[in-house]
């Protein structure tokens, strides 16, 4: 079985060298570029299984690269950036990023995140063989085509938003703790940083709830986590 390919897009040679070393030790094939425009070309040429994308790139920045990739690809995109403000993280997720790691970071942690995302992608590919649909008042979730309709109108969700929704919707009225929901979706522990999860939940509510401030589907259980509040 050929090694999976990881595309690194970063303008810091030391970062590229370090990440490449750790990924290659794990058996991955690594291609890289420091240019956003080249990243689009290399995506088509190499068809990588995952993209590690810096935000602060010369010319076309990482945000625009992500926007362009999401027009065609559902490949997991893992942002790495020295920008760690909540608004930067929210923006990264809102335009289709799957994960966000701030510099400096542990190479081991990055590799663990990469493995987790690739495992999730493999599981989602396997699930495509199963024809399943979840139906609720005003909401339909097709697990095969990964299509979500609200009031009969299709809405576009990122891969992680879709996973969060299905994890909750498969167990209506069951409370899922924050840490458990994070682990189910990202495949690793949150290590206490639940901002990634909270941002995705907020974005998801804006897309499927009639009134995100008073959600009927994704309900907060204070001090514990979330539950899907409508039964089938």
C-alpha atoms as a PDB file:
ATOM      1  CA  UNK A   1       0.000   0.000   0.000  1.00  0.00           C
ATOM      2  CA  UNK A   2       1.571   3.328  -1.068  1.00  0.00           C
ATOM      3  CA  UNK A   3       2.435   5.856   1.615  1.00  0.00           C
ATOM      4  CA  UNK A   4      -0.036   8.678   2.156  1.00  0.00           C
ATOM      5  CA  UNK A   5       1.143  12.075   0.967  1.00  0.00           C
ATOM      6  CA  UNK A   6       1.157  15.177   3.173  1.00  0.00           C
ATOM      7  CA  UNK A   7       1.423  18.652   1.623  1.00  0.00           C
ATOM      8  CA  UNK A   8       3.184  21.258   3.794  1.00  0.00           C
ATOM      9  CA  UNK A   9       2.677  24.925   2.882  1.00  0.00           C
ATOM     10  CA  UNK A  10       4.944  27.161   4.986  1.00  0.00           C
ATOM     11  CA  UNK A  11       7.501  29.881   4.306  1.00  0.00           C
ATOM     12  CA  UNK A  12       9.812  28.905   7.189  1.00  0.00           C
ATOM     13  CA  UNK A  13      12.434  26.425   6.001  1.00  0.00           C
ATOM     14  CA  UNK A  14      13.158  25.254   9.559  1.00  0.00           C
ATOM     15  CA  UNK A  15       9.485  24.425  10.158  1.00  0.00           C
ATOM     16  CA  UNK A  16       9.228  22.518   6.873  1.00  0.00           C
ATOM     17  CA  UNK A  17      12.395  20.550   7.657  1.00  0.00           C
ATOM     18  CA  UNK A  18      11.256  19.689  11.182  1.00  0.00           C
ATOM     19  CA  UNK A  19       7.717  18.629  10.209  1.00  0.00           C
ATOM     20  CA  UNK A  20       8.994  16.669   7.209  1.00  0.00           C
ATOM     21  CA  UNK A  21      11.497  14.784   9.363  1.00  0.00           C
ATOM     22  CA  UNK A  22       8.858  13.661  11.852  1.00  0.00           C
ATOM     23  CA  UNK A  23       6.294  12.762   9.199  1.00  0.00           C
ATOM     24  CA  UNK A  24       8.788  10.809   7.096  1.00  0.00           C
ATOM     25  CA  UNK A  25       9.828   8.830  10.188  1.00  0.00           C
ATOM     26  CA  UNK A  26       6.159   7.777  10.434  1.00  0.00           C
ATOM     27  CA  UNK A  27       6.226   6.559   6.847  1.00  0.00           C
ATOM     28  CA  UNK A  28       4.445   9.454   5.146  1.00  0.00           C
ATOM     29  CA  UNK A  29       5.433  10.905   1.795  1.00  0.00           C
ATOM     30  CA  UNK A  30       5.982  14.672   2.145  1.00  0.00           C
ATOM     31  CA  UNK A  31       5.794  17.394  -0.499  1.00  0.00           C
ATOM     32  CA  UNK A  32       6.103  21.073   0.306  1.00  0.00           C
ATOM     33  CA  UNK A  33       6.044  24.619  -0.948  1.00  0.00           C
ATOM     34  CA  UNK A  34       6.418  28.085   0.537  1.00  0.00           C
ATOM     35  CA  UNK A  35       4.051  29.686  -1.965  1.00  0.00           C
ATOM     36  CA  UNK A  36       0.257  29.721  -1.820  1.00  0.00           C
ATOM     37  CA  UNK A  37      -0.221  29.705  -5.579  1.00  0.00           C
ATOM     38  CA  UNK A  38       2.086  26.716  -5.920  1.00  0.00           C
ATOM     39  CA  UNK A  39       0.079  24.953  -3.211  1.00  0.00           C
ATOM     40  CA  UNK A  40      -3.001  24.970  -5.459  1.00  0.00           C
ATOM     41  CA  UNK A  41      -1.009  23.438  -8.306  1.00  0.00           C
ATOM     42  CA  UNK A  42       0.616  20.828  -6.059  1.00  0.00           C
ATOM     43  CA  UNK A  43      -2.771  19.886  -4.627  1.00  0.00           C
ATOM     44  CA  UNK A  44      -3.951  18.901  -8.076  1.00  0.00           C
ATOM     45  CA  UNK A  45      -0.658  17.243  -8.993  1.00  0.00           C
ATOM     46  CA  UNK A  46      -0.067  15.163  -5.842  1.00  0.00           C
ATOM     47  CA  UNK A  47      -3.617  14.693  -4.454  1.00  0.00           C
ATOM     48  CA  UNK A  48      -2.368  14.703  -0.837  1.00  0.00           C
ATOM     49  CA  UNK A  49      -4.326  13.056   1.968  1.00  0.00           C
ATOM     50  CA  UNK A  50      -3.845  16.082   4.261  1.00  0.00           C
ATOM     51  CA  UNK A  51      -2.606  19.670   4.047  1.00  0.00           C
ATOM     52  CA  UNK A  52      -0.568  21.447   6.744  1.00  0.00           C
ATOM     53  CA  UNK A  53      -1.090  25.130   5.972  1.00  0.00           C
ATOM     54  CA  UNK A  54       0.527  28.236   7.429  1.00  0.00           C
ATOM     55  CA  UNK A  55      -1.590  31.393   7.465  1.00  0.00           C
ATOM     56  CA  UNK A  56       1.120  34.021   7.027  1.00  0.00           C
ATOM     57  CA  UNK A  57       2.396  33.264   3.536  1.00  0.00           C
ATOM     58  CA  UNK A  58       3.867  35.725   1.014  1.00  0.00           C
ATOM     59  CA  UNK A  59       1.482  36.646  -1.793  1.00  0.00           C
ATOM     60  CA  UNK A  60      -1.602  34.465  -1.452  1.00  0.00           C
ATOM     61  CA  UNK A  61      -2.004  33.851   2.275  1.00  0.00           C
ATOM     62  CA  UNK A  62      -3.168  30.623   3.900  1.00  0.00           C
ATOM     63  CA  UNK A  63      -6.729  31.851   4.365  1.00  0.00           C
ATOM     64  CA  UNK A  64      -7.153  32.413   0.640  1.00  0.00           C
ATOM     65  CA  UNK A  65      -5.430  29.110  -0.153  1.00  0.00           C
ATOM     66  CA  UNK A  66      -7.951  27.338   2.083  1.00  0.00           C
ATOM     67  CA  UNK A  67     -10.870  29.140   0.437  1.00  0.00           C
ATOM     68  CA  UNK A  68      -9.653  28.079  -3.000  1.00  0.00           C
ATOM     69  CA  UNK A  69      -9.048  24.463  -1.964  1.00  0.00           C
ATOM     70  CA  UNK A  70     -12.488  24.151  -0.395  1.00  0.00           C
ATOM     71  CA  UNK A  71     -14.098  24.905  -3.754  1.00  0.00           C
ATOM     72  CA  UNK A  72     -12.906  21.493  -4.951  1.00  0.00           C
ATOM     73  CA  UNK A  73     -11.447  19.375  -2.150  1.00  0.00           C
ATOM     74  CA  UNK A  74     -12.664  17.959   1.179  1.00  0.00           C
ATOM     75  CA  UNK A  75      -9.111  17.030   2.185  1.00  0.00           C
ATOM     76  CA  UNK A  76      -8.362  17.729   5.881  1.00  0.00           C
ATOM     77  CA  UNK A  77      -6.626  21.087   6.320  1.00  0.00           C
ATOM     78  CA  UNK A  78      -4.581  21.659   9.467  1.00  0.00           C
ATOM     79  CA  UNK A  79      -3.640  25.308  10.047  1.00  0.00           C
ATOM     80  CA  UNK A  80      -0.347  26.111  11.784  1.00  0.00           C
ATOM     81  CA  UNK A  81       0.203  29.738  12.718  1.00  0.00           C
ATOM     82  CA  UNK A  82       1.854  32.101  15.168  1.00  0.00           C
ATOM     83  CA  UNK A  83      -1.498  33.942  15.347  1.00  0.00           C
ATOM     84  CA  UNK A  84      -3.375  32.615  18.366  1.00  0.00           C
ATOM     85  CA  UNK A  85      -6.157  35.146  18.918  1.00  0.00           C
ATOM     86  CA  UNK A  86      -9.675  33.719  19.051  1.00  0.00           C
ATOM     87  CA  UNK A  87     -10.731  35.722  15.971  1.00  0.00           C
ATOM     88  CA  UNK A  88      -7.891  34.195  13.922  1.00  0.00           C
ATOM     89  CA  UNK A  89      -8.900  30.706  15.005  1.00  0.00           C
ATOM     90  CA  UNK A  90     -12.583  31.393  14.304  1.00  0.00           C
ATOM     91  CA  UNK A  91     -11.716  32.668  10.820  1.00  0.00           C
ATOM     92  CA  UNK A  92      -9.630  29.586  10.093  1.00  0.00           C
ATOM     93  CA  UNK A  93     -12.490  27.269  10.987  1.00  0.00           C
ATOM     94  CA  UNK A  94     -15.176  29.348   9.297  1.00  0.00           C
ATOM     95  CA  UNK A  95     -13.521  29.099   5.879  1.00  0.00           C
ATOM     96  CA  UNK A  96     -13.079  25.328   6.073  1.00  0.00           C
ATOM     97  CA  UNK A  97     -10.083  24.503   8.271  1.00  0.00           C
ATOM     98  CA  UNK A  98     -10.312  21.248  10.237  1.00  0.00           C
ATOM     99  CA  UNK A  99      -7.768  22.016  12.937  1.00  0.00           C
ATOM    100  CA  UNK A 100      -5.587  24.870  14.195  1.00  0.00           C
ATOM    101  CA  UNK A 101      -2.238  24.597  15.978  1.00  0.00           C
ATOM    102  CA  UNK A 102      -0.314  27.639  17.154  1.00  0.00           C
ATOM    103  CA  UNK A 103       3.453  28.042  16.841  1.00  0.00           C
ATOM    104  CA  UNK A 104       5.622  27.016  18.569  1.00  0.00           C
ATOM    105  CA  UNK A 105       4.210  23.518  18.759  1.00  0.00           C
ATOM    106  CA  UNK A 106       5.416  20.035  19.652  1.00  0.00           C
ATOM    107  CA  UNK A 107       6.245  18.040  16.492  1.00  0.00           C
ATOM    108  CA  UNK A 108       4.933  14.953  18.269  1.00  0.00           C
ATOM    109  CA  UNK A 109       1.605  16.677  18.895  1.00  0.00           C
ATOM    110  CA  UNK A 110       1.376  17.700  15.246  1.00  0.00           C
ATOM    111  CA  UNK A 111       2.048  14.135  14.081  1.00  0.00           C
ATOM    112  CA  UNK A 112      -0.647  12.871  16.471  1.00  0.00           C
ATOM    113  CA  UNK A 113      -3.127  15.353  14.996  1.00  0.00           C
ATOM    114  CA  UNK A 114      -2.179  14.300  11.459  1.00  0.00           C
ATOM    115  CA  UNK A 115      -2.707  10.620  12.291  1.00  0.00           C
ATOM    116  CA  UNK A 116      -6.052  11.377  13.940  1.00  0.00           C
ATOM    117  CA  UNK A 117      -7.356  13.318  10.930  1.00  0.00           C
ATOM    118  CA  UNK A 118      -6.237  10.628   8.508  1.00  0.00           C
ATOM    119  CA  UNK A 119      -7.938   7.944  10.603  1.00  0.00           C
ATOM    120  CA  UNK A 120     -11.130   9.987  10.619  1.00  0.00           C
ATOM    121  CA  UNK A 121     -10.965  10.380   6.832  1.00  0.00           C
ATOM    122  CA  UNK A 122     -10.520   6.634   6.379  1.00  0.00           C
ATOM    123  CA  UNK A 123     -13.483   5.885   8.633  1.00  0.00           C
ATOM    124  CA  UNK A 124     -15.650   8.377   6.763  1.00  0.00           C
ATOM    125  CA  UNK A 125     -14.690   6.749   3.462  1.00  0.00           C
ATOM    126  CA  UNK A 126     -15.686   3.368   4.862  1.00  0.00           C
ATOM    127  CA  UNK A 127     -19.005   4.738   6.078  1.00  0.00           C
ATOM    128  CA  UNK A 128     -19.868   5.816   2.546  1.00  0.00           C
ATOM    129  CA  UNK A 129     -20.605   2.164   1.840  1.00  0.00           C
ATOM    130  CA  UNK A 130     -23.504   2.350   4.294  1.00  0.00           C
ATOM    131  CA  UNK A 131     -26.704   4.049   3.181  1.00  0.00           C
ATOM    132  CA  UNK A 132     -28.099   5.805   6.222  1.00  0.00           C
ATOM    133  CA  UNK A 133     -30.239   8.847   6.855  1.00  0.00           C
ATOM    134  CA  UNK A 134     -31.198  10.613  10.068  1.00  0.00           C
ATOM    135  CA  UNK A 135     -34.471  12.533   9.948  1.00  0.00           C
ATOM    136  CA  UNK A 136     -35.781  15.011  12.511  1.00  0.00           C
ATOM    137  CA  UNK A 137     -38.419  17.750  12.403  1.00  0.00           C
ATOM    138  CA  UNK A 138     -36.978  20.317   9.991  1.00  0.00           C
ATOM    139  CA  UNK A 139     -33.619  18.556   9.658  1.00  0.00           C
ATOM    140  CA  UNK A 140     -32.344  15.712   7.458  1.00  0.00           C
ATOM    141  CA  UNK A 141     -28.845  14.221   7.575  1.00  0.00           C
ATOM    142  CA  UNK A 142     -27.749  11.865   4.804  1.00  0.00           C
ATOM    143  CA  UNK A 143     -24.764   9.920   6.134  1.00  0.00           C
ATOM    144  CA  UNK A 144     -23.930   8.461   2.733  1.00  0.00           C
ATOM    145  CA  UNK A 145     -23.811  11.643   0.664  1.00  0.00           C
ATOM    146  CA  UNK A 146     -22.936  13.850   3.693  1.00  0.00           C
ATOM    147  CA  UNK A 147     -25.761  16.185   2.714  1.00  0.00           C
ATOM    148  CA  UNK A 148     -27.655  18.155   5.363  1.00  0.00           C
ATOM    149  CA  UNK A 149     -30.981  19.854   4.698  1.00  0.00           C
ATOM    150  CA  UNK A 150     -32.694  22.341   6.982  1.00  0.00           C
ATOM    151  CA  UNK A 151     -36.348  22.929   6.132  1.00  0.00           C
ATOM    152  CA  UNK A 152     -35.735  21.188   2.813  1.00  0.00           C
ATOM    153  CA  UNK A 153     -32.850  23.500   1.875  1.00  0.00           C
ATOM    154  CA  UNK A 154     -29.342  22.066   1.632  1.00  0.00           C
ATOM    155  CA  UNK A 155     -26.739  23.714   3.858  1.00  0.00           C
ATOM    156  CA  UNK A 156     -22.969  23.448   3.461  1.00  0.00           C
ATOM    157  CA  UNK A 157     -21.037  22.118   6.438  1.00  0.00           C
ATOM    158  CA  UNK A 158     -17.319  21.603   6.893  1.00  0.00           C
ATOM    159  CA  UNK A 159     -16.179  18.036   7.514  1.00  0.00           C
ATOM    160  CA  UNK A 160     -15.783  18.617  11.251  1.00  0.00           C
ATOM    161  CA  UNK A 161     -19.146  20.394  11.528  1.00  0.00           C
ATOM    162  CA  UNK A 162     -20.764  17.395   9.834  1.00  0.00           C
ATOM    163  CA  UNK A 163     -19.025  14.964  12.181  1.00  0.00           C
ATOM    164  CA  UNK A 164     -20.062  16.937  15.268  1.00  0.00           C
ATOM    165  CA  UNK A 165     -23.653  17.043  14.085  1.00  0.00           C
ATOM    166  CA  UNK A 166     -23.816  13.319  13.358  1.00  0.00           C
ATOM    167  CA  UNK A 167     -22.172  12.336  16.650  1.00  0.00           C
ATOM    168  CA  UNK A 168     -24.842  14.284  18.521  1.00  0.00           C
ATOM    169  CA  UNK A 169     -27.770  13.377  16.266  1.00  0.00           C
ATOM    170  CA  UNK A 170     -27.090   9.640  16.454  1.00  0.00           C
ATOM    171  CA  UNK A 171     -27.819   9.777  20.192  1.00  0.00           C
ATOM    172  CA  UNK A 172     -30.758  12.187  20.677  1.00  0.00           C
ATOM    173  CA  UNK A 173     -31.114  13.616  24.190  1.00  0.00           C
ATOM    174  CA  UNK A 174     -27.898  11.936  25.335  1.00  0.00           C
ATOM    175  CA  UNK A 175     -25.477  14.363  26.995  1.00  0.00           C
ATOM    176  CA  UNK A 176     -21.972  14.077  25.551  1.00  0.00           C
ATOM    177  CA  UNK A 177     -19.197  15.687  27.653  1.00  0.00           C
ATOM    178  CA  UNK A 178     -16.948  18.254  25.965  1.00  0.00           C
ATOM    179  CA  UNK A 179     -13.808  16.146  26.167  1.00  0.00           C
ATOM    180  CA  UNK A 180     -15.576  13.044  24.834  1.00  0.00           C
ATOM    181  CA  UNK A 181     -17.134  14.955  21.932  1.00  0.00           C
ATOM    182  CA  UNK A 182     -13.743  16.451  21.084  1.00  0.00           C
ATOM    183  CA  UNK A 183     -12.096  13.016  21.135  1.00  0.00           C
ATOM    184  CA  UNK A 184     -14.875  11.517  18.991  1.00  0.00           C
ATOM    185  CA  UNK A 185     -14.454  14.229  16.358  1.00  0.00           C
ATOM    186  CA  UNK A 186     -10.717  14.937  16.295  1.00  0.00           C
ATOM    187  CA  UNK A 187      -9.446  11.553  17.461  1.00  0.00           C
ATOM    188  CA  UNK A 188      -7.155  13.037  20.127  1.00  0.00           C
ATOM    189  CA  UNK A 189      -7.575  14.609  23.562  1.00  0.00           C
ATOM    190  CA  UNK A 190      -8.158  18.366  23.706  1.00  0.00           C
ATOM    191  CA  UNK A 191      -5.574  18.784  26.485  1.00  0.00           C
ATOM    192  CA  UNK A 192      -7.925  21.271  28.087  1.00  0.00           C
ATOM    193  CA  UNK A 193      -8.178  23.606  25.075  1.00  0.00           C
ATOM    194  CA  UNK A 194     -11.796  23.340  23.938  1.00  0.00           C
ATOM    195  CA  UNK A 195     -11.830  26.535  21.831  1.00  0.00           C
ATOM    196  CA  UNK A 196     -11.702  24.474  18.647  1.00  0.00           C
ATOM    197  CA  UNK A 197     -14.844  22.591  19.649  1.00  0.00           C
ATOM    198  CA  UNK A 198     -16.695  25.690  20.848  1.00  0.00           C
ATOM    199  CA  UNK A 199     -16.002  27.545  17.600  1.00  0.00           C
ATOM    200  CA  UNK A 200     -17.260  24.625  15.488  1.00  0.00           C
ATOM    201  CA  UNK A 201     -20.411  24.322  17.596  1.00  0.00           C
ATOM    202  CA  UNK A 202     -21.053  28.050  17.195  1.00  0.00           C
ATOM    203  CA  UNK A 203     -20.581  27.876  13.411  1.00  0.00           C
ATOM    204  CA  UNK A 204     -22.785  24.789  13.197  1.00  0.00           C
ATOM    205  CA  UNK A 205     -25.614  26.452  15.112  1.00  0.00           C
ATOM    206  CA  UNK A 206     -25.521  29.439  12.764  1.00  0.00           C
ATOM    207  CA  UNK A 207     -26.069  27.086   9.837  1.00  0.00           C
ATOM    208  CA  UNK A 208     -28.795  24.773  11.163  1.00  0.00           C
ATOM    209  CA  UNK A 209     -30.620  26.601  13.960  1.00  0.00           C
ATOM    210  CA  UNK A 210     -33.555  28.941  13.341  1.00  0.00           C
ATOM    211  CA  UNK A 211     -32.323  31.023  16.273  1.00  0.00           C
ATOM    212  CA  UNK A 212     -28.692  30.200  17.191  1.00  0.00           C
ATOM    213  CA  UNK A 213     -29.097  32.064  20.492  1.00  0.00           C
ATOM    214  CA  UNK A 214     -31.881  29.632  21.473  1.00  0.00           C
ATOM    215  CA  UNK A 215     -30.901  26.376  19.754  1.00  0.00           C
ATOM    216  CA  UNK A 216     -33.444  23.595  19.437  1.00  0.00           C
ATOM    217  CA  UNK A 217     -31.073  20.970  18.024  1.00  0.00           C
ATOM    218  CA  UNK A 218     -27.652  21.446  19.650  1.00  0.00           C
ATOM    219  CA  UNK A 219     -28.301  22.301  23.271  1.00  0.00           C
ATOM    220  CA  UNK A 220     -25.721  23.215  25.902  1.00  0.00           C
ATOM    221  CA  UNK A 221     -25.716  21.278  29.143  1.00  0.00           C
ATOM    222  CA  UNK A 222     -23.866  23.672  31.436  1.00  0.00           C
ATOM    223  CA  UNK A 223     -20.752  22.340  33.061  1.00  0.00           C
ATOM    224  CA  UNK A 224     -20.884  19.092  31.075  1.00  0.00           C
ATOM    225  CA  UNK A 225     -21.207  19.358  27.307  1.00  0.00           C
ATOM    226  CA  UNK A 226     -23.905  19.158  24.626  1.00  0.00           C
ATOM    227  CA  UNK A 227     -26.904  17.095  23.615  1.00  0.00           C
ATOM    228  CA  UNK A 228     -29.105  16.830  20.532  1.00  0.00           C
ATOM    229  CA  UNK A 229     -32.450  17.948  21.879  1.00  0.00           C
ATOM    230  CA  UNK A 230     -34.943  16.631  19.310  1.00  0.00           C
ATOM    231  CA  UNK A 231     -35.918  12.982  18.955  1.00  0.00           C
ATOM    232  CA  UNK A 232     -36.613  11.258  15.630  1.00  0.00           C
END
